[in-house]
PDB file of N, CA and C in Angstrom:
ATOM      1  N   MET A   1       3.588 145.651 -75.799  1.00  0.00           N
ATOM      2  CA  MET A   1       2.368 146.203 -76.359  1.00  0.00           C
ATOM      3  C   MET A   1       2.548 146.385 -77.865  1.00  0.00           C
ATOM      4  N   GLU A   2       1.588 145.940 -78.639  1.00  0.00           N
ATOM      5  CA  GLU A   2       1.656 145.998 -80.095  1.00  0.00           C
ATOM      6  C   GLU A   2       1.176 147.359 -80.594  1.00  0.00           C
ATOM      7  N   ASN A   3       1.931 147.939 -81.528  1.00  0.00           N
ATOM      8  CA  ASN A   3       1.564 149.215 -82.123  1.00  0.00           C
ATOM      9  C   ASN A   3       0.846 148.960 -83.443  1.00  0.00           C
ATOM     10  N   LYS A   4      -0.454 149.221 -83.496  1.00  0.00           N
ATOM     11  CA  LYS A   4      -1.245 148.935 -84.688  1.00  0.00           C
ATOM     12  C   LYS A   4      -1.053 149.978 -85.780  1.00  0.00           C
ATOM     13  N   SER A   5      -0.401 151.097 -85.489  1.00  0.00           N
ATOM     14  CA  SER A   5      -0.212 152.123 -86.498  1.00  0.00           C
ATOM     15  C   SER A   5       1.048 151.896 -87.336  1.00  0.00           C
ATOM     16  N   VAL A   6       1.803 150.858 -87.050  1.00  0.00           N
ATOM     17  CA  VAL A   6       2.982 150.547 -87.845  1.00  0.00           C
ATOM     18  C   VAL A   6       2.529 150.168 -89.252  1.00  0.00           C
ATOM     19  N   GLY A   7       3.108 150.812 -90.257  1.00  0.00           N
ATOM     20  CA  GLY A   7       2.730 150.543 -91.635  1.00  0.00           C
ATOM     21  C   GLY A   7       1.579 151.390 -92.130  1.00  0.00           C
ATOM     22  N   TYR A   8       0.933 152.147 -91.268  1.00  0.00           N
ATOM     23  CA  TYR A   8      -0.179 153.003 -91.670  1.00  0.00           C
ATOM     24  C   TYR A   8       0.368 154.279 -92.314  1.00  0.00           C
ATOM     25  N   VAL A   9      -0.158 154.623 -93.480  1.00  0.00           N
ATOM     26  CA  VAL A   9       0.224 155.850 -94.172  1.00  0.00           C
ATOM     27  C   VAL A   9      -1.041 156.670 -94.388  1.00  0.00           C
ATOM     28  N   PRO A  10      -1.061 157.906 -93.923  1.00  0.00           N
ATOM     29  CA  PRO A  10      -2.251 158.741 -94.133  1.00  0.00           C
ATOM     30  C   PRO A  10      -2.504 158.966 -95.631  1.00  0.00           C
ATOM     31  N   ILE A  11      -3.744 159.149 -96.001  1.00  0.00           N
ATOM     32  CA  ILE A  11      -4.121 159.324 -97.406  1.00  0.00           C
ATOM     33  C   ILE A  11      -3.338 160.468 -98.048  1.00  0.00           C
ATOM     34  N   TRP A  12      -3.178 161.581 -97.357  1.00  0.00           N
ATOM     35  CA  TRP A  12      -2.518 162.746 -97.951  1.00  0.00           C
ATOM     36  C   TRP A  12      -1.022 162.541 -98.178  1.00  0.00           C
ATOM     37  N   GLU A  13      -0.464 161.435 -97.708  1.00  0.00           N
ATOM     38  CA  GLU A  13       0.946 161.131 -97.939  1.00  0.00           C
ATOM     39  C   GLU A  13       1.139 159.996 -98.943  1.00  0.00           C
ATOM     40  N   LYS A  14       0.074 159.331 -99.339  1.00  0.00           N
ATOM     41  CA  LYS A  14       0.173 158.218-100.280  1.00  0.00           C
ATOM     42  C   LYS A  14       0.383 158.744-101.697  1.00  0.00           C
ATOM     43  N   ALA A  15       1.160 158.022-102.472  1.00  0.00           N
ATOM     44  CA  ALA A  15       1.356 158.367-103.879  1.00  0.00           C
ATOM     45  C   ALA A  15       0.185 157.869-104.722  1.00  0.00           C
ATOM     46  N   LEU A  16      -0.351 156.704-104.368  1.00  0.00           N
ATOM     47  CA  LEU A  16      -1.459 156.098-105.103  1.00  0.00           C
ATOM     48  C   LEU A  16      -2.628 155.847-104.160  1.00  0.00           C
ATOM     49  N   LEU A  17      -3.822 156.099-104.666  1.00  0.00           N
ATOM     50  CA  LEU A  17      -5.037 155.913-103.876  1.00  0.00           C
ATOM     51  C   LEU A  17      -5.975 154.952-104.594  1.00  0.00           C
ATOM     52  N   THR A  18      -6.757 154.223-103.821  1.00  0.00           N
ATOM     53  CA  THR A  18      -7.845 153.451-104.419  1.00  0.00           C
ATOM     54  C   THR A  18      -8.940 154.442-104.794  1.00  0.00           C
ATOM     55  N   ILE A  19      -9.900 153.995-105.552  1.00  0.00           N
ATOM     56  CA  ILE A  19     -11.009 154.882-105.915  1.00  0.00           C
ATOM     57  C   ILE A  19     -11.775 155.299-104.667  1.00  0.00           C
ATOM     58  N   ASN A  20     -11.961 154.394-103.709  1.00  0.00           N
ATOM     59  CA  ASN A  20     -12.653 154.746-102.459  1.00  0.00           C
ATOM     60  C   ASN A  20     -11.866 155.794-101.676  1.00  0.00           C
ATOM     61  N   GLU A  21     -10.543 155.641-101.603  1.00  0.00           N
ATOM     62  CA  GLU A  21      -9.716 156.623-100.899  1.00  0.00           C
ATOM     63  C   GLU A  21      -9.761 157.970-101.613  1.00  0.00           C
ATOM     64  N   ALA A  22      -9.706 157.956-102.949  1.00  0.00           N
ATOM     65  CA  ALA A  22      -9.767 159.201-103.721  1.00  0.00           C
ATOM     66  C   ALA A  22     -11.101 159.905-103.500  1.00  0.00           C
ATOM     67  N   ALA A  23     -12.171 159.129-103.411  1.00  0.00           N
ATOM     68  CA  ALA A  23     -13.494 159.716-103.160  1.00  0.00           C
ATOM     69  C   ALA A  23     -13.543 160.360-101.774  1.00  0.00           C
ATOM     70  N   ALA A  24     -13.018 159.678-100.781  1.00  0.00           N
ATOM     71  CA  ALA A  24     -13.010 160.235 -99.418  1.00  0.00           C
ATOM     72  C   ALA A  24     -12.102 161.457 -99.342  1.00  0.00           C
ATOM     73  N   TYR A  25     -10.981 161.409-100.019  1.00  0.00           N
ATOM     74  CA  TYR A  25      -9.989 162.500 -99.994  1.00  0.00           C
ATOM     75  C   TYR A  25     -10.522 163.758-100.671  1.00  0.00           C
ATOM     76  N   SER A  26     -11.244 163.576-101.780  1.00  0.00           N
ATOM     77  CA  SER A  26     -11.661 164.721-102.595  1.00  0.00           C
ATOM     78  C   SER A  26     -13.110 165.126-102.398  1.00  0.00           C
ATOM     79  N   ASN A  27     -13.889 164.278-101.751  1.00  0.00           N
ATOM     80  CA  ASN A  27     -15.330 164.501-101.593  1.00  0.00           C
ATOM     81  C   ASN A  27     -16.053 164.464-102.944  1.00  0.00           C
ATOM     82  N   ILE A  28     -15.485 163.706-103.877  1.00  0.00           N
ATOM     83  CA  ILE A  28     -16.111 163.441-105.170  1.00  0.00           C
ATOM     84  C   ILE A  28     -16.634 162.010-105.103  1.00  0.00           C
ATOM     85  N   GLY A  29     -17.782 161.771-105.677  1.00  0.00           N
ATOM     86  CA  GLY A  29     -18.399 160.453-105.595  1.00  0.00           C
ATOM     87  C   GLY A  29     -17.609 159.366-106.313  1.00  0.00           C
ATOM     88  N   ILE A  30     -17.763 158.148-105.831  1.00  0.00           N
ATOM     89  CA  ILE A  30     -17.078 156.994-106.414  1.00  0.00           C
ATOM     90  C   ILE A  30     -17.467 156.829-107.888  1.00  0.00           C
ATOM     91  N   HIS A  31     -18.740 156.996-108.207  1.00  0.00           N
ATOM     92  CA  HIS A  31     -19.202 156.817-109.581  1.00  0.00           C
ATOM     93  C   HIS A  31     -18.609 157.883-110.506  1.00  0.00           C
ATOM     94  N   LYS A  32     -18.496 159.109-110.033  1.00  0.00           N
ATOM     95  CA  LYS A  32     -17.908 160.180-110.839  1.00  0.00           C
ATOM     96  C   LYS A  32     -16.424 159.909-111.096  1.00  0.00           C
ATOM     97  N   ILE A  33     -15.697 159.481-110.076  1.00  0.00           N
ATOM     98  CA  ILE A  33     -14.273 159.167-110.252  1.00  0.00           C
ATOM     99  C   ILE A  33     -14.119 158.001-111.219  1.00  0.00           C
ATOM    100  N   THR A  34     -14.972 156.988-111.098  1.00  0.00           N
ATOM    101  CA  THR A  34     -14.931 155.847-112.009  1.00  0.00           C
ATOM    102  C   THR A  34     -15.162 156.301-113.451  1.00  0.00           C
ATOM    103  N   ASP A  35     -16.118 157.200-113.650  1.00  0.00           N
ATOM    104  CA  ASP A  35     -16.370 157.744-114.992  1.00  0.00           C
ATOM    105  C   ASP A  35     -15.148 158.494-115.516  1.00  0.00           C
ATOM    106  N   LEU A  36     -14.505 159.263-114.649  1.00  0.00           N
ATOM    107  CA  LEU A  36     -13.324 160.034-115.060  1.00  0.00           C
ATOM    108  C   LEU A  36     -12.167 159.131-115.481  1.00  0.00           C
ATOM    109  N   VAL A  37     -11.930 158.060-114.731  1.00  0.00           N
ATOM    110  CA  VAL A  37     -10.791 157.192-115.045  1.00  0.00           C
ATOM    111  C   VAL A  37     -11.031 156.345-116.291  1.00  0.00           C
ATOM    112  N   LYS A  38     -12.271 156.223-116.719  1.00  0.00           N
ATOM    113  CA  LYS A  38     -12.577 155.468-117.942  1.00  0.00           C
ATOM    114  C   LYS A  38     -12.269 156.269-119.198  1.00  0.00           C
ATOM    115  N   ARG A  39     -12.099 157.567-119.066  1.00  0.00           N
ATOM    116  CA  ARG A  39     -11.807 158.410-120.225  1.00  0.00           C
ATOM    117  C   ARG A  39     -10.393 158.128-120.735  1.00  0.00           C
ATOM    118  N   PRO A  40     -10.233 158.023-122.056  1.00  0.00           N
ATOM    119  CA  PRO A  40      -8.892 157.775-122.610  1.00  0.00           C
ATOM    120  C   PRO A  40      -7.895 158.890-122.279  1.00  0.00           C
ATOM    121  N   SER A  41      -8.377 160.092-122.044  1.00  0.00           N
ATOM    122  CA  SER A  41      -7.490 161.230-121.767  1.00  0.00           C
ATOM    123  C   SER A  41      -7.107 161.345-120.292  1.00  0.00           C
ATOM    124  N   CYS A  42      -7.587 160.433-119.458  1.00  0.00           N
ATOM    125  CA  CYS A  42      -7.318 160.504-118.015  1.00  0.00           C
ATOM    126  C   CYS A  42      -5.839 160.246-117.739  1.00  0.00           C
ATOM    127  N   LYS A  43      -5.189 161.213-117.080  1.00  0.00           N
ATOM    128  CA  LYS A  43      -3.756 161.117-116.809  1.00  0.00           C
ATOM    129  C   LYS A  43      -3.446 160.750-115.365  1.00  0.00           C
ATOM    130  N   PHE A  44      -4.467 160.581-114.537  1.00  0.00           N
ATOM    131  CA  PHE A  44      -4.204 160.297-113.126  1.00  0.00           C
ATOM    132  C   PHE A  44      -4.569 158.872-112.719  1.00  0.00           C
ATOM    133  N   VAL A  45      -4.783 157.992-113.694  1.00  0.00           N
ATOM    134  CA  VAL A  45      -5.094 156.601-113.375  1.00  0.00           C
ATOM    135  C   VAL A  45      -3.898 155.719-113.722  1.00  0.00           C
ATOM    136  N   LEU A  46      -3.665 154.719-112.882  1.00  0.00           N
ATOM    137  CA  LEU A  46      -2.622 153.725-113.101  1.00  0.00           C
ATOM    138  C   LEU A  46      -3.278 152.360-112.970  1.00  0.00           C
ATOM    139  N   TYR A  47      -3.149 151.548-114.001  1.00  0.00           N
ATOM    140  CA  TYR A  47      -3.711 150.200-113.964  1.00  0.00           C
ATOM    141  C   TYR A  47      -2.646 149.228-113.481  1.00  0.00           C
ATOM    142  N   VAL A  48      -2.979 148.477-112.449  1.00  0.00           N
ATOM    143  CA  VAL A  48      -2.124 147.416-111.932  1.00  0.00           C
ATOM    144  C   VAL A  48      -2.971 146.150-112.007  1.00  0.00           C
ATOM    145  N   GLY A  49      -2.781 145.400-113.080  1.00  0.00           N
ATOM    146  CA  GLY A  49      -3.677 144.279-113.335  1.00  0.00           C
ATOM    147  C   GLY A  49      -5.064 144.842-113.618  1.00  0.00           C
ATOM    148  N   ASN A  50      -6.047 144.366-112.893  1.00  0.00           N
ATOM    149  CA  ASN A  50      -7.415 144.874-113.037  1.00  0.00           C
ATOM    150  C   ASN A  50      -7.710 146.044-112.108  1.00  0.00           C
ATOM    151  N   ARG A  51      -6.776 146.350-111.218  1.00  0.00           N
ATOM    152  CA  ARG A  51      -6.992 147.438-110.252  1.00  0.00           C
ATOM    153  C   ARG A  51      -6.711 148.786-110.883  1.00  0.00           C
ATOM    154  N   ARG A  52      -7.551 149.742-110.559  1.00  0.00           N
ATOM    155  CA  ARG A  52      -7.342 151.128-110.968  1.00  0.00           C
ATOM    156  C   ARG A  52      -6.901 151.898-109.747  1.00  0.00           C
ATOM    157  N   LEU A  53      -5.724 152.493-109.835  1.00  0.00           N
ATOM    158  CA  LEU A  53      -5.219 153.314-108.745  1.00  0.00           C
ATOM    159  C   LEU A  53      -5.110 154.752-109.230  1.00  0.00           C
ATOM    160  N   ILE A  54      -5.335 155.669-108.319  1.00  0.00           N
ATOM    161  CA  ILE A  54      -5.336 157.086-108.635  1.00  0.00           C
ATOM    162  C   ILE A  54      -4.008 157.694-108.193  1.00  0.00           C
ATOM    163  N   LYS A  55      -3.324 158.360-109.127  1.00  0.00           N
ATOM    164  CA  LYS A  55      -2.087 159.072-108.801  1.00  0.00           C
ATOM    165  C   LYS A  55      -2.499 160.359-108.087  1.00  0.00           C
ATOM    166  N   ARG A  56      -2.220 160.425-106.792  1.00  0.00           N
ATOM    167  CA  ARG A  56      -2.741 161.511-105.957  1.00  0.00           C
ATOM    168  C   ARG A  56      -2.347 162.893-106.458  1.00  0.00           C
ATOM    169  N   LYS A  57      -1.077 163.123-106.754  1.00  0.00           N
ATOM    170  CA  LYS A  57      -0.639 164.468-107.170  1.00  0.00           C
ATOM    171  C   LYS A  57      -1.290 164.890-108.481  1.00  0.00           C
ATOM    172  N   GLU A  58      -1.349 163.977-109.444  1.00  0.00           N
ATOM    173  CA  GLU A  58      -1.987 164.292-110.724  1.00  0.00           C
ATOM    174  C   GLU A  58      -3.489 164.516-110.535  1.00  0.00           C
ATOM    175  N   PHE A  59      -4.096 163.763-109.633  1.00  0.00           N
ATOM    176  CA  PHE A  59      -5.515 163.934-109.327  1.00  0.00           C
ATOM    177  C   PHE A  59      -5.759 165.311-108.708  1.00  0.00           C
ATOM    178  N   GLU A  60      -4.892 165.719-107.790  1.00  0.00           N
ATOM    179  CA  GLU A  60      -5.012 167.053-107.188  1.00  0.00           C
ATOM    180  C   GLU A  60      -4.876 168.142-108.251  1.00  0.00           C
ATOM    181  N   GLU A  61      -3.924 167.965-109.178  1.00  0.00           N
ATOM    182  CA  GLU A  61      -3.745 168.944-110.258  1.00  0.00           C
ATOM    183  C   GLU A  61      -4.979 169.004-111.147  1.00  0.00           C
ATOM    184  N   PHE A  62      -5.548 167.838-111.459  1.00  0.00           N
ATOM    185  CA  PHE A  62      -6.766 167.782-112.264  1.00  0.00           C
ATOM    186  C   PHE A  62      -7.894 168.543-111.584  1.00  0.00           C
ATOM    187  N   ILE A  63      -8.051 168.331-110.289  1.00  0.00           N
ATOM    188  CA  ILE A  63      -9.106 169.023-109.544  1.00  0.00           C
ATOM    189  C   ILE A  63      -8.857 170.526-109.556  1.00  0.00           C
ATOM    190  N   SER A  64      -7.619 170.939-109.322  1.00  0.00           N
ATOM    191  CA  SER A  64      -7.286 172.369-109.308  1.00  0.00           C
ATOM    192  C   SER A  64      -7.593 173.022-110.655  1.00  0.00           C
ATOM    193  N   LYS A  65      -7.276 172.343-111.736  1.00  0.00           N
ATOM    194  CA  LYS A  65      -7.518 172.902-113.075  1.00  0.00           C
ATOM    195  C   LYS A  65      -8.996 172.875-113.441  1.00  0.00           C
ATOM    196  N   SER A  66      -9.760 171.997-112.831  1.00  0.00           N
ATOM    197  CA  SER A  66     -11.169 171.843-113.165  1.00  0.00           C
ATOM    198  C   SER A  66     -12.072 172.800-112.397  1.00  0.00           C
ATOM    199  N   VAL A  67     -11.554 173.408-111.365  1.00  0.00           N
ATOM    200  CA  VAL A  67     -12.359 174.308-110.539  1.00  0.00           C
ATOM    201  C   VAL A  67     -12.595 175.613-111.300  1.00  0.00           C
ATOM    202  N   GLU A  68     -13.855 175.980-111.386  1.00  0.00           N
ATOM    203  CA  GLU A  68     -14.202 177.234-112.047  1.00  0.00           C
ATOM    204  C   GLU A  68     -14.243 178.350-111.012  1.00  0.00           C
ATOM    205  N   LEU A  69     -13.629 179.439-111.352  1.00  0.00           N
ATOM    206  CA  LEU A  69     -13.630 180.602-110.448  1.00  0.00           C
ATOM    207  C   LEU A  69     -14.790 181.508-110.713  1.00  0.00           C
TER     208      LEU A  69
END
């Protein structure tokens, strides 16, 4: 019997996320995340060729610092 979960990594354990995964993980819209990663000051984006990947831990820190109490 073939195990289809081999190689599967849950989003909360990944170091890098796609913009779609980051949107699902954070409940922030894809367009908003895209706008954020276009900023020169963005520290949670990693470019791999034309792909934009989100550094999960830095993204979580950004969200934590951005939340207004």
